[in-house]
């Protein structure tokens, strides 16, 4: 099945904050973070069922090299990306943020 990829508006803030943090740590690392995010979202569309369901309807894809995870749902023929969060965050906080996004 072919899936369409869609992002909720709040994902832009998640990406920007990660980019800024990594860019401060090392010039160019923020760009690598963004490339990794988009590479993994592309991978998700090819095989979304491969990723574990973690919060009700939300599935999680862990990024390699960066301690972040992409949270998404599968709805009909769409993959909807709801969040990009650091893995050290409290799972209750992540769940609350995910369920608050539309």
N, C-alpha and C. Protein backbone atom coordinates (compact mmCIF):
# COMPACT_ATOMS: atom_id res chain seq x y z
N UNK A 1 0.84 -1.19 0.00
CA UNK A 1 0.00 0.00 0.00
C UNK A 1 0.88 1.24 0.00
N UNK A 2 0.46 2.24 -0.75
CA UNK A 2 1.17 3.51 -0.84
C UNK A 2 0.55 4.49 0.16
N UNK A 3 1.40 5.09 0.99
CA UNK A 3 0.93 6.03 2.02
C UNK A 3 1.35 7.45 1.68
N UNK A 4 0.48 8.39 2.03
CA UNK A 4 0.78 9.81 1.93
C UNK A 4 1.29 10.27 3.29
N UNK A 5 2.32 11.09 3.29
CA UNK A 5 2.91 11.59 4.53
C UNK A 5 2.36 12.97 4.84
N UNK A 6 1.91 13.16 6.08
CA UNK A 6 1.37 14.44 6.51
C UNK A 6 1.95 14.78 7.88
N UNK A 7 2.17 16.05 8.14
CA UNK A 7 2.71 16.52 9.41
C UNK A 7 1.72 17.45 10.09
N UNK A 8 1.54 17.30 11.40
CA UNK A 8 0.73 18.28 12.13
C UNK A 8 1.56 19.56 12.23
N UNK A 9 0.92 20.72 12.36
CA UNK A 9 1.67 21.99 12.39
C UNK A 9 2.72 22.08 13.50
N UNK A 10 2.46 21.47 14.64
CA UNK A 10 3.38 21.57 15.78
C UNK A 10 4.73 20.89 15.53
N UNK A 11 4.79 20.03 14.52
CA UNK A 11 6.04 19.32 14.24
C UNK A 11 7.15 20.30 13.86
N UNK A 12 6.78 21.42 13.26
CA UNK A 12 7.77 22.42 12.88
C UNK A 12 8.52 22.94 14.10
N UNK A 13 7.81 23.15 15.19
CA UNK A 13 8.44 23.61 16.43
C UNK A 13 9.37 22.53 17.00
N UNK A 14 8.95 21.28 16.93
CA UNK A 14 9.78 20.17 17.41
C UNK A 14 11.10 20.11 16.63
N UNK A 15 11.00 20.22 15.32
CA UNK A 15 12.19 20.17 14.46
C UNK A 15 13.10 21.35 14.73
N UNK A 16 12.52 22.54 14.81
CA UNK A 16 13.30 23.76 15.02
C UNK A 16 14.05 23.73 16.35
N UNK A 17 13.38 23.29 17.41
CA UNK A 17 14.06 23.27 18.71
C UNK A 17 15.20 22.25 18.71
N UNK A 18 14.99 21.09 18.08
CA UNK A 18 16.08 20.10 17.97
C UNK A 18 17.22 20.63 17.13
N UNK A 19 16.90 21.24 16.02
CA UNK A 19 17.91 21.82 15.13
C UNK A 19 18.75 22.86 15.88
N UNK A 20 18.09 23.76 16.56
CA UNK A 20 18.79 24.83 17.27
C UNK A 20 19.72 24.25 18.33
N UNK A 21 19.24 23.30 19.10
CA UNK A 21 20.06 22.72 20.17
C UNK A 21 21.31 22.05 19.59
N UNK A 22 21.14 21.25 18.55
CA UNK A 22 22.29 20.55 17.96
C UNK A 22 23.23 21.50 17.24
N UNK A 23 22.71 22.53 16.64
CA UNK A 23 23.55 23.50 15.93
C UNK A 23 24.42 24.27 16.92
N UNK A 24 23.90 24.54 18.12
CA UNK A 24 24.69 25.20 19.17
C UNK A 24 25.80 24.26 19.64
N UNK A 25 25.51 22.98 19.71
CA UNK A 25 26.49 22.00 20.18
C UNK A 25 27.65 21.86 19.18
N UNK A 26 27.32 21.85 17.90
CA UNK A 26 28.35 21.70 16.87
C UNK A 26 27.78 22.18 15.54
N UNK A 27 28.46 23.10 14.92
CA UNK A 27 28.02 23.66 13.65
C UNK A 27 27.83 22.54 12.62
N UNK A 28 26.66 22.49 12.01
CA UNK A 28 26.35 21.48 11.02
C UNK A 28 25.59 20.29 11.57
N UNK A 29 25.64 20.09 12.89
CA UNK A 29 24.96 18.95 13.50
C UNK A 29 23.43 19.11 13.42
N UNK A 30 22.95 20.34 13.49
CA UNK A 30 21.52 20.60 13.35
C UNK A 30 21.02 20.19 11.98
N UNK A 31 21.82 20.47 10.95
CA UNK A 31 21.46 20.07 9.59
C UNK A 31 21.39 18.55 9.48
N UNK A 32 22.33 17.87 10.11
CA UNK A 32 22.33 16.40 10.10
C UNK A 32 21.09 15.86 10.82
N UNK A 33 20.70 16.50 11.90
CA UNK A 33 19.50 16.13 12.65
C UNK A 33 18.26 16.20 11.75
N UNK A 34 18.13 17.29 11.02
CA UNK A 34 16.99 17.47 10.11
C UNK A 34 17.02 16.42 9.00
N UNK A 35 18.19 16.19 8.41
CA UNK A 35 18.30 15.16 7.37
C UNK A 35 17.89 13.80 7.88
N UNK A 36 18.32 13.48 9.11
CA UNK A 36 17.99 12.19 9.71
C UNK A 36 16.47 12.08 9.93
N UNK A 37 15.87 13.16 10.40
CA UNK A 37 14.41 13.17 10.62
C UNK A 37 13.67 12.87 9.31
N UNK A 38 14.01 13.58 8.24
CA UNK A 38 13.31 13.37 6.98
C UNK A 38 13.61 12.01 6.36
N UNK A 39 14.82 11.51 6.55
CA UNK A 39 15.14 10.17 6.05
C UNK A 39 14.27 9.12 6.75
N UNK A 40 14.10 9.26 8.05
CA UNK A 40 13.30 8.29 8.79
C UNK A 40 11.81 8.43 8.50
N UNK A 41 11.32 9.63 8.29
CA UNK A 41 9.90 9.75 7.94
C UNK A 41 9.64 9.12 6.58
N UNK A 42 10.61 9.21 5.68
CA UNK A 42 10.48 8.52 4.39
C UNK A 42 10.47 7.01 4.57
N UNK A 43 11.29 6.53 5.48
CA UNK A 43 11.34 5.10 5.78
C UNK A 43 10.02 4.62 6.38
N UNK A 44 9.43 5.44 7.22
CA UNK A 44 8.15 5.08 7.85
C UNK A 44 7.08 4.82 6.79
N UNK A 45 7.04 5.62 5.75
CA UNK A 45 6.01 5.45 4.71
C UNK A 45 6.16 4.14 3.95
N UNK A 46 7.36 3.60 3.91
CA UNK A 46 7.58 2.34 3.19
C UNK A 46 7.10 1.12 3.99
N UNK A 47 7.19 1.19 5.32
CA UNK A 47 6.79 0.05 6.13
C UNK A 47 6.33 0.50 7.53
N UNK A 48 5.20 1.19 7.62
CA UNK A 48 4.77 1.75 8.90
C UNK A 48 4.42 0.72 9.97
N UNK A 49 4.00 -0.46 9.56
CA UNK A 49 3.62 -1.49 10.53
C UNK A 49 4.84 -2.08 11.25
N UNK A 50 6.01 -1.80 10.75
CA UNK A 50 7.26 -2.29 11.35
C UNK A 50 7.51 -1.65 12.72
N UNK A 51 6.94 -0.48 12.94
CA UNK A 51 7.22 0.29 14.15
C UNK A 51 6.20 0.00 15.24
N UNK A 52 6.72 -0.09 16.43
CA UNK A 52 5.94 -0.48 17.61
C UNK A 52 4.91 0.59 18.00
N UNK A 53 3.74 0.12 18.38
CA UNK A 53 2.71 1.00 18.93
C UNK A 53 3.07 1.23 20.39
N UNK A 54 3.12 2.51 20.81
CA UNK A 54 3.55 2.81 22.17
C UNK A 54 2.50 3.53 23.01
N UNK A 55 1.74 4.40 22.44
CA UNK A 55 0.72 5.16 23.16
C UNK A 55 -0.58 5.05 22.38
N UNK A 56 -1.44 4.14 22.78
CA UNK A 56 -2.73 3.97 22.13
C UNK A 56 -2.56 3.77 20.63
N UNK A 57 -2.88 4.76 19.83
CA UNK A 57 -2.80 4.63 18.37
C UNK A 57 -1.48 5.11 17.80
N UNK A 58 -0.61 5.64 18.64
CA UNK A 58 0.66 6.22 18.18
C UNK A 58 1.76 5.17 18.10
N UNK A 59 2.51 5.24 17.01
CA UNK A 59 3.67 4.38 16.82
C UNK A 59 4.93 5.23 16.95
N UNK A 60 6.05 4.56 17.23
CA UNK A 60 7.30 5.29 17.47
C UNK A 60 8.42 4.73 16.61
N UNK A 61 9.16 5.65 16.00
CA UNK A 61 10.35 5.32 15.21
C UNK A 61 11.54 6.03 15.85
N UNK A 62 12.50 5.26 16.32
CA UNK A 62 13.69 5.83 16.95
C UNK A 62 14.70 6.24 15.89
N UNK A 63 15.25 7.45 16.05
CA UNK A 63 16.27 7.92 15.12
C UNK A 63 17.62 7.33 15.51
N UNK A 64 18.41 6.96 14.52
CA UNK A 64 19.76 6.53 14.77
C UNK A 64 20.64 7.77 14.93
N UNK A 65 21.60 7.69 15.81
CA UNK A 65 22.58 8.75 16.08
C UNK A 65 22.05 9.87 16.98
N UNK A 66 20.77 10.12 16.96
CA UNK A 66 20.18 11.16 17.80
C UNK A 66 19.16 10.52 18.74
N UNK A 67 19.16 10.91 20.01
CA UNK A 67 18.21 10.30 20.97
C UNK A 67 16.80 10.90 20.87
N UNK A 68 16.22 10.81 19.71
CA UNK A 68 14.88 11.34 19.45
C UNK A 68 14.03 10.25 18.81
N UNK A 69 12.72 10.43 18.92
CA UNK A 69 11.79 9.49 18.32
C UNK A 69 10.70 10.26 17.58
N UNK A 70 10.30 9.70 16.45
CA UNK A 70 9.20 10.24 15.64
C UNK A 70 7.95 9.47 16.05
N UNK A 71 6.88 10.18 16.38
CA UNK A 71 5.61 9.57 16.75
C UNK A 71 4.60 9.84 15.65
N UNK A 72 3.93 8.77 15.22
CA UNK A 72 3.01 8.89 14.09
C UNK A 72 1.84 7.94 14.24
N UNK A 73 0.83 8.18 13.41
CA UNK A 73 -0.32 7.28 13.34
C UNK A 73 -0.51 6.87 11.88
N UNK A 74 -1.24 5.78 11.71
CA UNK A 74 -1.63 5.32 10.38
C UNK A 74 -3.14 5.47 10.30
N UNK A 75 -3.60 6.30 9.39
CA UNK A 75 -5.03 6.52 9.22
C UNK A 75 -5.37 6.39 7.75
N UNK A 76 -6.05 5.30 7.43
CA UNK A 76 -6.39 4.96 6.04
C UNK A 76 -5.11 4.87 5.22
N UNK A 77 -4.95 5.77 4.25
CA UNK A 77 -3.75 5.72 3.41
C UNK A 77 -2.77 6.84 3.77
N UNK A 78 -2.87 7.36 5.00
CA UNK A 78 -1.99 8.45 5.45
C UNK A 78 -1.15 8.05 6.65
N UNK A 79 0.08 8.52 6.64
CA UNK A 79 0.95 8.47 7.81
C UNK A 79 0.95 9.91 8.32
N UNK A 80 0.49 10.10 9.56
CA UNK A 80 0.44 11.45 10.13
C UNK A 80 1.47 11.52 11.25
N UNK A 81 2.46 12.41 11.07
CA UNK A 81 3.53 12.59 12.05
C UNK A 81 3.06 13.63 13.06
N UNK A 82 2.99 13.19 14.32
CA UNK A 82 2.47 14.05 15.39
C UNK A 82 3.55 14.67 16.25
N UNK A 83 4.74 14.07 16.29
CA UNK A 83 5.75 14.64 17.17
C UNK A 83 7.14 14.08 16.93
N UNK A 84 8.11 14.87 17.36
CA UNK A 84 9.52 14.50 17.36
C UNK A 84 10.04 14.90 18.73
N UNK A 85 10.25 13.91 19.60
CA UNK A 85 10.60 14.20 20.99
C UNK A 85 11.89 13.51 21.40
N UNK A 86 12.60 14.16 22.31
CA UNK A 86 13.81 13.58 22.90
C UNK A 86 13.39 12.37 23.72
N UNK A 87 14.16 11.31 23.65
CA UNK A 87 13.80 10.06 24.33
C UNK A 87 13.90 10.12 25.85
N UNK A 88 14.58 11.13 26.37
CA UNK A 88 14.69 11.26 27.83
C UNK A 88 13.45 11.90 28.45
N UNK A 89 12.55 12.38 27.63
CA UNK A 89 11.32 12.98 28.16
C UNK A 89 10.45 11.95 28.84
N UNK A 90 9.74 12.38 29.84
CA UNK A 90 8.80 11.52 30.56
C UNK A 90 7.71 11.06 29.59
N UNK A 91 7.42 9.78 29.59
CA UNK A 91 6.43 9.24 28.65
C UNK A 91 5.04 9.83 28.87
N UNK A 92 4.72 10.22 30.11
CA UNK A 92 3.41 10.85 30.35
C UNK A 92 3.34 12.22 29.68
N UNK A 93 4.45 12.95 29.68
CA UNK A 93 4.50 14.25 29.01
C UNK A 93 4.33 14.08 27.51
N UNK A 94 5.02 13.08 26.96
CA UNK A 94 4.91 12.81 25.53
C UNK A 94 3.48 12.44 25.17
N UNK A 95 2.88 11.55 25.96
CA UNK A 95 1.50 11.14 25.68
C UNK A 95 0.56 12.33 25.71
N UNK A 96 0.71 13.21 26.71
CA UNK A 96 -0.15 14.39 26.81
C UNK A 96 0.01 15.30 25.61
N UNK A 97 1.26 15.52 25.17
CA UNK A 97 1.49 16.38 24.01
C UNK A 97 0.88 15.76 22.74
N UNK A 98 1.07 14.46 22.57
CA UNK A 98 0.54 13.80 21.38
C UNK A 98 -0.98 13.87 21.31
N UNK A 99 -1.63 13.61 22.41
CA UNK A 99 -3.09 13.59 22.40
C UNK A 99 -3.67 15.01 22.27
N UNK A 100 -2.87 16.03 22.61
CA UNK A 100 -3.33 17.40 22.48
C UNK A 100 -3.17 17.96 21.08
N UNK A 101 -2.48 17.25 20.22
CA UNK A 101 -2.25 17.72 18.85
C UNK A 101 -3.28 17.12 17.91
N UNK A 102 -3.72 17.91 16.95
CA UNK A 102 -4.74 17.43 16.01
C UNK A 102 -4.22 17.46 14.60
